[in-house]
């Protein structure tokens, strides 16, 4: 099977840690990357969950604002978009 070379940029310390880990597992970084790519192709997805982890301050502020609005009895709420649109049209008059 023909092979090809690829180049990946990463922090030197990250590469050293990866080399050490994969060496302990009996492989090199090239083998580990091949395992990753083969699994990604087989699953047609990145083979692990990717998330932002923690919410940023803007998202937290928006969530708190939405919660405040939902609990405020002085702010009208609507069940349907039609109701909201009708109320908005009445406010314009």
PDB file of N, CA and C in Angstrom:
ATOM      1  N   UNK A   1       0.850  -1.170   0.000  1.00  0.00           N
ATOM      2  CA  UNK A   1       0.000   0.000   0.000  1.00  0.00           C
ATOM      3  C   UNK A   1       0.900   1.239   0.000  1.00  0.00           C
ATOM      4  N   UNK A   2       0.628   2.152  -0.904  1.00  0.00           N
ATOM      5  CA  UNK A   2       1.401   3.393  -0.988  1.00  0.00           C
ATOM      6  C   UNK A   2       1.067   4.288   0.203  1.00  0.00           C
ATOM      7  N   UNK A   3       2.057   5.011   0.666  1.00  0.00           N
ATOM      8  CA  UNK A   3       1.850   5.942   1.776  1.00  0.00           C
ATOM      9  C   UNK A   3       2.210   7.341   1.333  1.00  0.00           C
ATOM     10  N   UNK A   4       1.791   8.314   2.109  1.00  0.00           N
ATOM     11  CA  UNK A   4       2.112   9.706   1.836  1.00  0.00           C
ATOM     12  C   UNK A   4       2.510  10.378   3.144  1.00  0.00           C
ATOM     13  N   UNK A   5       3.253  11.438   3.051  1.00  0.00           N
ATOM     14  CA  UNK A   5       3.664  12.190   4.231  1.00  0.00           C
ATOM     15  C   UNK A   5       2.724  13.368   4.448  1.00  0.00           C
ATOM     16  N   UNK A   6       2.461  13.668   5.710  1.00  0.00           N
ATOM     17  CA  UNK A   6       1.715  14.871   6.063  1.00  0.00           C
ATOM     18  C   UNK A   6       2.510  15.602   7.136  1.00  0.00           C
ATOM     19  N   UNK A   7       2.230  16.870   7.283  1.00  0.00           N
ATOM     20  CA  UNK A   7       2.908  17.680   8.288  1.00  0.00           C
ATOM     21  C   UNK A   7       1.859  18.283   9.212  1.00  0.00           C
ATOM     22  N   UNK A   8       2.087  18.163  10.511  1.00  0.00           N
ATOM     23  CA  UNK A   8       1.157  18.700  11.501  1.00  0.00           C
ATOM     24  C   UNK A   8       1.929  19.635  12.418  1.00  0.00           C
ATOM     25  N   UNK A   9       1.390  20.809  12.655  1.00  0.00           N
ATOM     26  CA  UNK A   9       2.026  21.753  13.579  1.00  0.00           C
ATOM     27  C   UNK A   9       1.364  21.631  14.946  1.00  0.00           C
ATOM     28  N   UNK A  10       2.202  21.563  15.985  1.00  0.00           N
ATOM     29  CA  UNK A  10       1.708  21.562  17.356  1.00  0.00           C
ATOM     30  C   UNK A  10       2.815  22.064  18.272  1.00  0.00           C
ATOM     31  N   UNK A  11       2.434  22.441  19.466  1.00  0.00           N
ATOM     32  CA  UNK A  11       3.414  22.909  20.437  1.00  0.00           C
ATOM     33  C   UNK A  11       4.409  21.789  20.726  1.00  0.00           C
ATOM     34  N   UNK A  12       5.664  22.176  20.902  1.00  0.00           N
ATOM     35  CA  UNK A  12       6.720  21.195  21.144  1.00  0.00           C
ATOM     36  C   UNK A  12       6.436  20.362  22.393  1.00  0.00           C
ATOM     37  N   UNK A  13       5.960  21.016  23.454  1.00  0.00           N
ATOM     38  CA  UNK A  13       5.682  20.286  24.697  1.00  0.00           C
ATOM     39  C   UNK A  13       4.550  19.275  24.509  1.00  0.00           C
ATOM     40  N   UNK A  14       3.565  19.625  23.696  1.00  0.00           N
ATOM     41  CA  UNK A  14       2.457  18.718  23.412  1.00  0.00           C
ATOM     42  C   UNK A  14       2.955  17.488  22.663  1.00  0.00           C
ATOM     43  N   UNK A  15       3.834  17.706  21.681  1.00  0.00           N
ATOM     44  CA  UNK A  15       4.397  16.581  20.925  1.00  0.00           C
ATOM     45  C   UNK A  15       5.208  15.668  21.835  1.00  0.00           C
ATOM     46  N   UNK A  16       5.995  16.249  22.732  1.00  0.00           N
ATOM     47  CA  UNK A  16       6.794  15.433  23.655  1.00  0.00           C
ATOM     48  C   UNK A  16       5.892  14.571  24.533  1.00  0.00           C
ATOM     49  N   UNK A  17       4.814  15.167  25.042  1.00  0.00           N
ATOM     50  CA  UNK A  17       3.875  14.405  25.873  1.00  0.00           C
ATOM     51  C   UNK A  17       3.209  13.297  25.068  1.00  0.00           C
ATOM     52  N   UNK A  18       2.814  13.616  23.834  1.00  0.00           N
ATOM     53  CA  UNK A  18       2.178  12.614  22.975  1.00  0.00           C
ATOM     54  C   UNK A  18       3.156  11.491  22.655  1.00  0.00           C
ATOM     55  N   UNK A  19       4.399  11.842  22.306  1.00  0.00           N
ATOM     56  CA  UNK A  19       5.418  10.826  22.020  1.00  0.00           C
ATOM     57  C   UNK A  19       5.593   9.891  23.213  1.00  0.00           C
ATOM     58  N   UNK A  20       5.655  10.468  24.413  1.00  0.00           N
ATOM     59  CA  UNK A  20       5.846   9.669  25.621  1.00  0.00           C
ATOM     60  C   UNK A  20       4.655   8.737  25.846  1.00  0.00           C
ATOM     61  N   UNK A  21       3.444   9.281  25.734  1.00  0.00           N
ATOM     62  CA  UNK A  21       2.240   8.475  25.938  1.00  0.00           C
ATOM     63  C   UNK A  21       2.166   7.331  24.936  1.00  0.00           C
ATOM     64  N   UNK A  22       2.310   7.665  23.652  1.00  0.00           N
ATOM     65  CA  UNK A  22       2.179   6.638  22.626  1.00  0.00           C
ATOM     66  C   UNK A  22       3.297   5.612  22.716  1.00  0.00           C
ATOM     67  N   UNK A  23       4.498   6.035  23.110  1.00  0.00           N
ATOM     68  CA  UNK A  23       5.603   5.104  23.304  1.00  0.00           C
ATOM     69  C   UNK A  23       5.262   4.102  24.405  1.00  0.00           C
ATOM     70  N   UNK A  24       4.651   4.593  25.489  1.00  0.00           N
ATOM     71  CA  UNK A  24       4.224   3.703  26.571  1.00  0.00           C
ATOM     72  C   UNK A  24       3.183   2.705  26.087  1.00  0.00           C
ATOM     73  N   UNK A  25       2.436   3.080  25.056  1.00  0.00           N
ATOM     74  CA  UNK A  25       1.402   2.207  24.494  1.00  0.00           C
ATOM     75  C   UNK A  25       1.950   1.323  23.379  1.00  0.00           C
ATOM     76  N   UNK A  26       3.249   1.462  23.101  1.00  0.00           N
ATOM     77  CA  UNK A  26       3.881   0.623  22.087  1.00  0.00           C
ATOM     78  C   UNK A  26       3.704   1.114  20.665  1.00  0.00           C
ATOM     79  N   UNK A  27       3.503   2.394  20.483  1.00  0.00           N
ATOM     80  CA  UNK A  27       3.339   2.944  19.131  1.00  0.00           C
ATOM     81  C   UNK A  27       3.974   4.318  19.060  1.00  0.00           C
ATOM     82  N   UNK A  28       4.056   4.849  17.859  1.00  0.00           N
ATOM     83  CA  UNK A  28       4.549   6.216  17.686  1.00  0.00           C
ATOM     84  C   UNK A  28       3.380   7.124  17.315  1.00  0.00           C
ATOM     85  N   UNK A  29       3.663   8.404  17.179  1.00  0.00           N
ATOM     86  CA  UNK A  29       2.608   9.379  16.898  1.00  0.00           C
ATOM     87  C   UNK A  29       1.973   9.132  15.525  1.00  0.00           C
ATOM     88  N   UNK A  30       2.757   8.642  14.578  1.00  0.00           N
ATOM     89  CA  UNK A  30       2.226   8.342  13.246  1.00  0.00           C
ATOM     90  C   UNK A  30       1.182   7.231  13.317  1.00  0.00           C
ATOM     91  N   UNK A  31       1.480   6.179  14.070  1.00  0.00           N
ATOM     92  CA  UNK A  31       0.525   5.079  14.229  1.00  0.00           C
ATOM     93  C   UNK A  31      -0.739   5.568  14.933  1.00  0.00           C
ATOM     94  N   UNK A  32      -0.570   6.381  15.977  1.00  0.00           N
ATOM     95  CA  UNK A  32      -1.725   6.914  16.707  1.00  0.00           C
ATOM     96  C   UNK A  32      -2.602   7.761  15.786  1.00  0.00           C
ATOM     97  N   UNK A  33      -1.971   8.586  14.950  1.00  0.00           N
ATOM     98  CA  UNK A  33      -2.744   9.421  14.033  1.00  0.00           C
ATOM     99  C   UNK A  33      -3.476   8.558  13.004  1.00  0.00           C
ATOM    100  N   UNK A  34      -2.828   7.510  12.516  1.00  0.00           N
ATOM    101  CA  UNK A  34      -3.483   6.599  11.574  1.00  0.00           C
ATOM    102  C   UNK A  34      -4.693   5.927  12.214  1.00  0.00           C
ATOM    103  N   UNK A  35      -4.573   5.543  13.478  1.00  0.00           N
ATOM    104  CA  UNK A  35      -5.712   4.947  14.187  1.00  0.00           C
ATOM    105  C   UNK A  35      -6.864   5.948  14.251  1.00  0.00           C
ATOM    106  N   UNK A  36      -6.543   7.195  14.602  1.00  0.00           N
ATOM    107  CA  UNK A  36      -7.553   8.248  14.669  1.00  0.00           C
ATOM    108  C   UNK A  36      -8.260   8.418  13.321  1.00  0.00           C
ATOM    109  N   UNK A  37      -7.484   8.534  12.239  1.00  0.00           N
ATOM    110  CA  UNK A  37      -8.062   8.775  10.910  1.00  0.00           C
ATOM    111  C   UNK A  37      -8.909   7.593  10.460  1.00  0.00           C
ATOM    112  N   UNK A  38      -8.424   6.371  10.665  1.00  0.00           N
ATOM    113  CA  UNK A  38      -9.202   5.193  10.254  1.00  0.00           C
ATOM    114  C   UNK A  38     -10.541   5.125  11.001  1.00  0.00           C
ATOM    115  N   UNK A  39     -10.505   5.399  12.286  1.00  0.00           N
ATOM    116  CA  UNK A  39     -11.755   5.359  13.057  1.00  0.00           C
ATOM    117  C   UNK A  39     -12.698   6.478  12.630  1.00  0.00           C
ATOM    118  N   UNK A  40     -12.167   7.668  12.383  1.00  0.00           N
ATOM    119  CA  UNK A  40     -12.998   8.785  11.925  1.00  0.00           C
ATOM    120  C   UNK A  40     -13.684   8.435  10.606  1.00  0.00           C
ATOM    121  N   UNK A  41     -12.941   7.815   9.705  1.00  0.00           N
ATOM    122  CA  UNK A  41     -13.519   7.423   8.411  1.00  0.00           C
ATOM    123  C   UNK A  41     -14.585   6.352   8.611  1.00  0.00           C
ATOM    124  N   UNK A  42     -14.286   5.350   9.439  1.00  0.00           N
ATOM    125  CA  UNK A  42     -15.241   4.260   9.668  1.00  0.00           C
ATOM    126  C   UNK A  42     -16.535   4.789  10.291  1.00  0.00           C
ATOM    127  N   UNK A  43     -16.417   5.696  11.267  1.00  0.00           N
ATOM    128  CA  UNK A  43     -17.595   6.223  11.966  1.00  0.00           C
ATOM    129  C   UNK A  43     -18.207   7.435  11.277  1.00  0.00           C
ATOM    130  N   UNK A  44     -17.490   7.973  10.289  1.00  0.00           N
ATOM    131  CA  UNK A  44     -17.907   9.177   9.579  1.00  0.00           C
ATOM    132  C   UNK A  44     -18.154  10.322  10.562  1.00  0.00           C
ATOM    133  N   UNK A  45     -17.270  10.413  11.553  1.00  0.00           N
ATOM    134  CA  UNK A  45     -17.362  11.446  12.588  1.00  0.00           C
ATOM    135  C   UNK A  45     -16.031  11.517  13.323  1.00  0.00           C
ATOM    136  N   UNK A  46     -15.829  12.597  14.041  1.00  0.00           N
ATOM    137  CA  UNK A  46     -14.672  12.661  14.927  1.00  0.00           C
ATOM    138  C   UNK A  46     -14.937  11.642  16.035  1.00  0.00           C
ATOM    139  N   UNK A  47     -13.998  10.747  16.308  1.00  0.00           N
ATOM    140  CA  UNK A  47     -14.289   9.620  17.207  1.00  0.00           C
ATOM    141  C   UNK A  47     -14.250   9.939  18.703  1.00  0.00           C
ATOM    142  N   UNK A  48     -14.518  11.161  19.059  1.00  0.00           N
ATOM    143  CA  UNK A  48     -14.648  11.526  20.463  1.00  0.00           C
ATOM    144  C   UNK A  48     -15.483  12.790  20.547  1.00  0.00           C
ATOM    145  N   UNK A  49     -16.042  13.029  21.728  1.00  0.00           N
ATOM    146  CA  UNK A  49     -16.923  14.180  21.935  1.00  0.00           C
ATOM    147  C   UNK A  49     -16.093  15.453  22.046  1.00  0.00           C
ATOM    148  N   UNK A  50     -16.483  16.482  21.336  1.00  0.00           N
ATOM    149  CA  UNK A  50     -15.824  17.781  21.405  1.00  0.00           C
ATOM    150  C   UNK A  50     -16.824  18.775  21.983  1.00  0.00           C
ATOM    151  N   UNK A  51     -16.404  19.501  23.004  1.00  0.00           N
ATOM    152  CA  UNK A  51     -17.295  20.507  23.578  1.00  0.00           C
ATOM    153  C   UNK A  51     -16.478  21.694  24.058  1.00  0.00           C
ATOM    154  N   UNK A  52     -17.160  22.770  24.300  1.00  0.00           N
ATOM    155  CA  UNK A  52     -16.500  23.955  24.821  1.00  0.00           C
ATOM    156  C   UNK A  52     -16.214  23.829  26.309  1.00  0.00           C
ATOM    157  N   UNK A  53     -16.798  22.837  26.938  1.00  0.00           N
ATOM    158  CA  UNK A  53     -16.566  22.649  28.362  1.00  0.00           C
ATOM    159  C   UNK A  53     -17.403  23.604  29.179  1.00  0.00           C
ATOM    160  N   UNK A  54     -16.842  24.723  29.528  1.00  0.00           N
ATOM    161  CA  UNK A  54     -17.535  25.691  30.362  1.00  0.00           C
ATOM    162  C   UNK A  54     -18.194  26.764  29.500  1.00  0.00           C
ATOM    163  N   UNK A  55     -19.290  27.302  30.001  1.00  0.00           N
ATOM    164  CA  UNK A  55     -19.973  28.384  29.301  1.00  0.00           C
ATOM    165  C   UNK A  55     -19.194  29.678  29.504  1.00  0.00           C
ATOM    166  N   UNK A  56     -19.169  30.512  28.468  1.00  0.00           N
ATOM    167  CA  UNK A  56     -18.480  31.796  28.624  1.00  0.00           C
ATOM    168  C   UNK A  56     -19.399  32.792  29.336  1.00  0.00           C
ATOM    169  N   UNK A  57     -18.837  33.927  29.732  1.00  0.00           N
ATOM    170  CA  UNK A  57     -19.588  34.922  30.515  1.00  0.00           C
ATOM    171  C   UNK A  57     -20.798  35.465  29.756  1.00  0.00           C
ATOM    172  N   UNK A  58     -20.658  35.658  28.460  1.00  0.00           N
ATOM    173  CA  UNK A  58     -21.764  36.190  27.655  1.00  0.00           C
ATOM    174  C   UNK A  58     -22.939  35.214  27.636  1.00  0.00           C
ATOM    175  N   UNK A  59     -22.651  33.925  27.489  1.00  0.00           N
ATOM    176  CA  UNK A  59     -23.711  32.920  27.473  1.00  0.00           C
ATOM    177  C   UNK A  59     -24.396  32.832  28.830  1.00  0.00           C
ATOM    178  N   UNK A  60     -23.609  32.852  29.892  1.00  0.00           N
ATOM    179  CA  UNK A  60     -24.181  32.808  31.240  1.00  0.00           C
ATOM    180  C   UNK A  60     -25.072  34.023  31.483  1.00  0.00           C
ATOM    181  N   UNK A  61     -24.622  35.206  31.068  1.00  0.00           N
ATOM    182  CA  UNK A  61     -25.420  36.424  31.232  1.00  0.00           C
ATOM    183  C   UNK A  61     -26.729  36.319  30.459  1.00  0.00           C
ATOM    184  N   UNK A  62     -26.679  35.785  29.243  1.00  0.00           N
ATOM    185  CA  UNK A  62     -27.892  35.633  28.434  1.00  0.00           C
ATOM    186  C   UNK A  62     -28.860  34.645  29.082  1.00  0.00           C
ATOM    187  N   UNK A  63     -28.330  33.574  29.640  1.00  0.00           N
ATOM    188  CA  UNK A  63     -29.183  32.590  30.305  1.00  0.00           C
ATOM    189  C   UNK A  63     -29.849  33.189  31.549  1.00  0.00           C
ATOM    190  N   UNK A  64     -29.102  33.962  32.311  1.00  0.00           N
ATOM    191  CA  UNK A  64     -29.672  34.616  33.495  1.00  0.00           C
ATOM    192  C   UNK A  64     -30.737  35.635  33.109  1.00  0.00           C
ATOM    193  N   UNK A  65     -30.489  36.373  32.029  1.00  0.00           N
ATOM    194  CA  UNK A  65     -31.473  37.350  31.541  1.00  0.00           C
ATOM    195  C   UNK A  65     -32.748  36.646  31.080  1.00  0.00           C
ATOM    196  N   UNK A  66     -32.607  35.532  30.369  1.00  0.00           N
ATOM    197  CA  UNK A  66     -33.776  34.778  29.911  1.00  0.00           C
ATOM    198  C   UNK A  66     -34.572  34.244  31.100  1.00  0.00           C
ATOM    199  N   UNK A  67     -33.875  33.781  32.119  1.00  0.00           N
ATOM    200  CA  UNK A  67     -34.546  33.285  33.322  1.00  0.00           C
ATOM    201  C   UNK A  67     -35.291  34.412  34.035  1.00  0.00           C
ATOM    202  N   UNK A  68     -34.663  35.588  34.126  1.00  0.00           N
ATOM    203  CA  UNK A  68     -35.300  36.742  34.762  1.00  0.00           C
ATOM    204  C   UNK A  68     -36.566  37.137  34.006  1.00  0.00           C
ATOM    205  N   UNK A  69     -36.481  37.179  32.680  1.00  0.00           N
ATOM    206  CA  UNK A  69     -37.635  37.541  31.852  1.00  0.00           C
ATOM    207  C   UNK A  69     -38.754  36.521  32.028  1.00  0.00           C
ATOM    208  N   UNK A  70     -38.409  35.240  32.053  1.00  0.00           N
ATOM    209  CA  UNK A  70     -39.419  34.188  32.185  1.00  0.00           C
ATOM    210  C   UNK A  70     -40.161  34.274  33.514  1.00  0.00           C
ATOM    211  N   UNK A  71     -39.481  34.733  34.555  1.00  0.00           N
ATOM    212  CA  UNK A  71     -40.095  34.809  35.889  1.00  0.00           C
ATOM    213  C   UNK A  71     -40.803  36.133  36.159  1.00  0.00           C
ATOM    214  N   UNK A  72     -40.590  37.130  35.330  1.00  0.00           N
ATOM    215  CA  UNK A  72     -41.151  38.468  35.559  1.00  0.00           C
ATOM    216  C   UNK A  72     -42.618  38.493  35.130  1.00  0.00           C
ATOM    217  N   UNK A  73     -43.552  38.673  36.085  1.00  0.00           N
ATOM    218  CA  UNK A  73     -44.974  38.675  35.734  1.00  0.00           C
ATOM    219  C   UNK A  73     -45.386  39.912  34.932  1.00  0.00           C
ATOM    220  N   UNK A  74     -44.553  40.940  34.913  1.00  0.00           N
ATOM    221  CA  UNK A  74     -44.872  42.162  34.171  1.00  0.00           C
ATOM    222  C   UNK A  74     -44.496  42.075  32.695  1.00  0.00           C
ATOM    223  N   UNK A  75     -43.794  41.032  32.323  1.00  0.00           N
ATOM    224  CA  UNK A  75     -43.411  40.856  30.915  1.00  0.00           C
ATOM    225  C   UNK A  75     -44.354  39.828  30.309  1.00  0.00           C
ATOM    226  N   UNK A  76     -45.083  40.211  29.259  1.00  0.00           N
ATOM    227  CA  UNK A  76     -46.044  39.269  28.664  1.00  0.00           C
ATOM    228  C   UNK A  76     -45.335  38.076  28.021  1.00  0.00           C
ATOM    229  N   UNK A  77     -46.035  36.961  28.047  1.00  0.00           N
ATOM    230  CA  UNK A  77     -45.515  35.772  27.366  1.00  0.00           C
ATOM    231  C   UNK A  77     -46.576  35.275  26.393  1.00  0.00           C
ATOM    232  N   UNK A  78     -46.134  34.557  25.389  1.00  0.00           N
ATOM    233  CA  UNK A  78     -47.028  34.108  24.325  1.00  0.00           C
ATOM    234  C   UNK A  78     -46.806  32.626  24.078  1.00  0.00           C
ATOM    235  N   UNK A  79     -47.884  31.950  23.714  1.00  0.00           N
ATOM    236  CA  UNK A  79     -47.807  30.524  23.427  1.00  0.00           C
ATOM    237  C   UNK A  79     -47.425  30.296  21.970  1.00  0.00           C
ATOM    238  N   UNK A  80     -47.911  31.161  21.090  1.00  0.00           N
ATOM    239  CA  UNK A  80     -47.638  30.982  19.662  1.00  0.00           C
ATOM    240  C   UNK A  80     -46.986  32.232  19.084  1.00  0.00           C
ATOM    241  N   UNK A  81     -46.343  32.051  17.958  1.00  0.00           N
ATOM    242  CA  UNK A  81     -45.746  33.185  17.254  1.00  0.00           C
ATOM    243  C   UNK A  81     -46.834  34.141  16.772  1.00  0.00           C
ATOM    244  N   UNK A  82     -47.997  33.588  16.423  1.00  0.00           N
ATOM    245  CA  UNK A  82     -49.114  34.417  15.966  1.00  0.00           C
ATOM    246  C   UNK A  82     -49.544  35.392  17.066  1.00  0.00           C
ATOM    247  N   UNK A  83     -49.609  34.902  18.316  1.00  0.00           N
ATOM    248  CA  UNK A  83     -49.956  35.773  19.447  1.00  0.00           C
ATOM    249  C   UNK A  83     -48.911  36.868  19.630  1.00  0.00           C
ATOM    250  N   UNK A  84     -47.645  36.499  19.553  1.00  0.00           N
ATOM    251  CA  UNK A  84     -46.561  37.474  19.730  1.00  0.00           C
ATOM    252  C   UNK A  84     -46.597  38.524  18.631  1.00  0.00           C
ATOM    253  N   UNK A  85     -46.842  38.094  17.398  1.00  0.00           N
ATOM    254  CA  UNK A  85     -46.911  39.018  16.270  1.00  0.00           C
ATOM    255  C   UNK A  85     -48.097  39.963  16.425  1.00  0.00           C
ATOM    256  N   UNK A  86     -49.239  39.436  16.834  1.00  0.00           N
ATOM    257  CA  UNK A  86     -50.425  40.275  17.033  1.00  0.00           C
ATOM    258  C   UNK A  86     -50.157  41.321  18.112  1.00  0.00           C
ATOM    259  N   UNK A  87     -49.511  40.921  19.194  1.00  0.00           N
ATOM    260  CA  UNK A  87     -49.189  41.867  20.267  1.00  0.00           C
ATOM    261  C   UNK A  87     -48.207  42.920  19.778  1.00  0.00           C
ATOM    262  N   UNK A  88     -47.230  42.519  18.994  1.00  0.00           N
ATOM    263  CA  UNK A  88     -46.241  43.467  18.471  1.00  0.00           C
ATOM    264  C   UNK A  88     -46.903  44.463  17.531  1.00  0.00           C
ATOM    265  N   UNK A  89     -47.850  44.002  16.720  1.00  0.00           N
ATOM    266  CA  UNK A  89     -48.542  44.896  15.794  1.00  0.00           C
ATOM    267  C   UNK A  89     -49.424  45.883  16.551  1.00  0.00           C
ATOM    268  N   UNK A  90     -50.017  45.436  17.664  1.00  0.00           N
ATOM    269  CA  UNK A  90     -50.843  46.334  18.482  1.00  0.00           C
ATOM    270  C   UNK A  90     -49.993  47.399  19.151  1.00  0.00           C
ATOM    271  N   UNK A  91     -48.767  47.057  19.547  1.00  0.00           N
ATOM    272  CA  UNK A  91     -47.872  48.021  20.195  1.00  0.00           C
ATOM    273  C   UNK A  91     -47.462  49.126  19.238  1.00  0.00           C
ATOM    274  N   UNK A  92     -47.388  48.818  17.946  1.00  0.00           N
ATOM    275  CA  UNK A  92     -46.972  49.807  16.951  1.00  0.00           C
ATOM    276  C   UNK A  92     -48.040  50.868  16.723  1.00  0.00           C
ATOM    277  N   UNK A  93     -49.283  50.572  17.051  1.00  0.00           N
ATOM    278  CA  UNK A  93     -50.382  51.521  16.816  1.00  0.00           C
ATOM    279  C   UNK A  93     -50.559  52.472  17.948  1.00  0.00           C
TER     280      UNK A  93
END
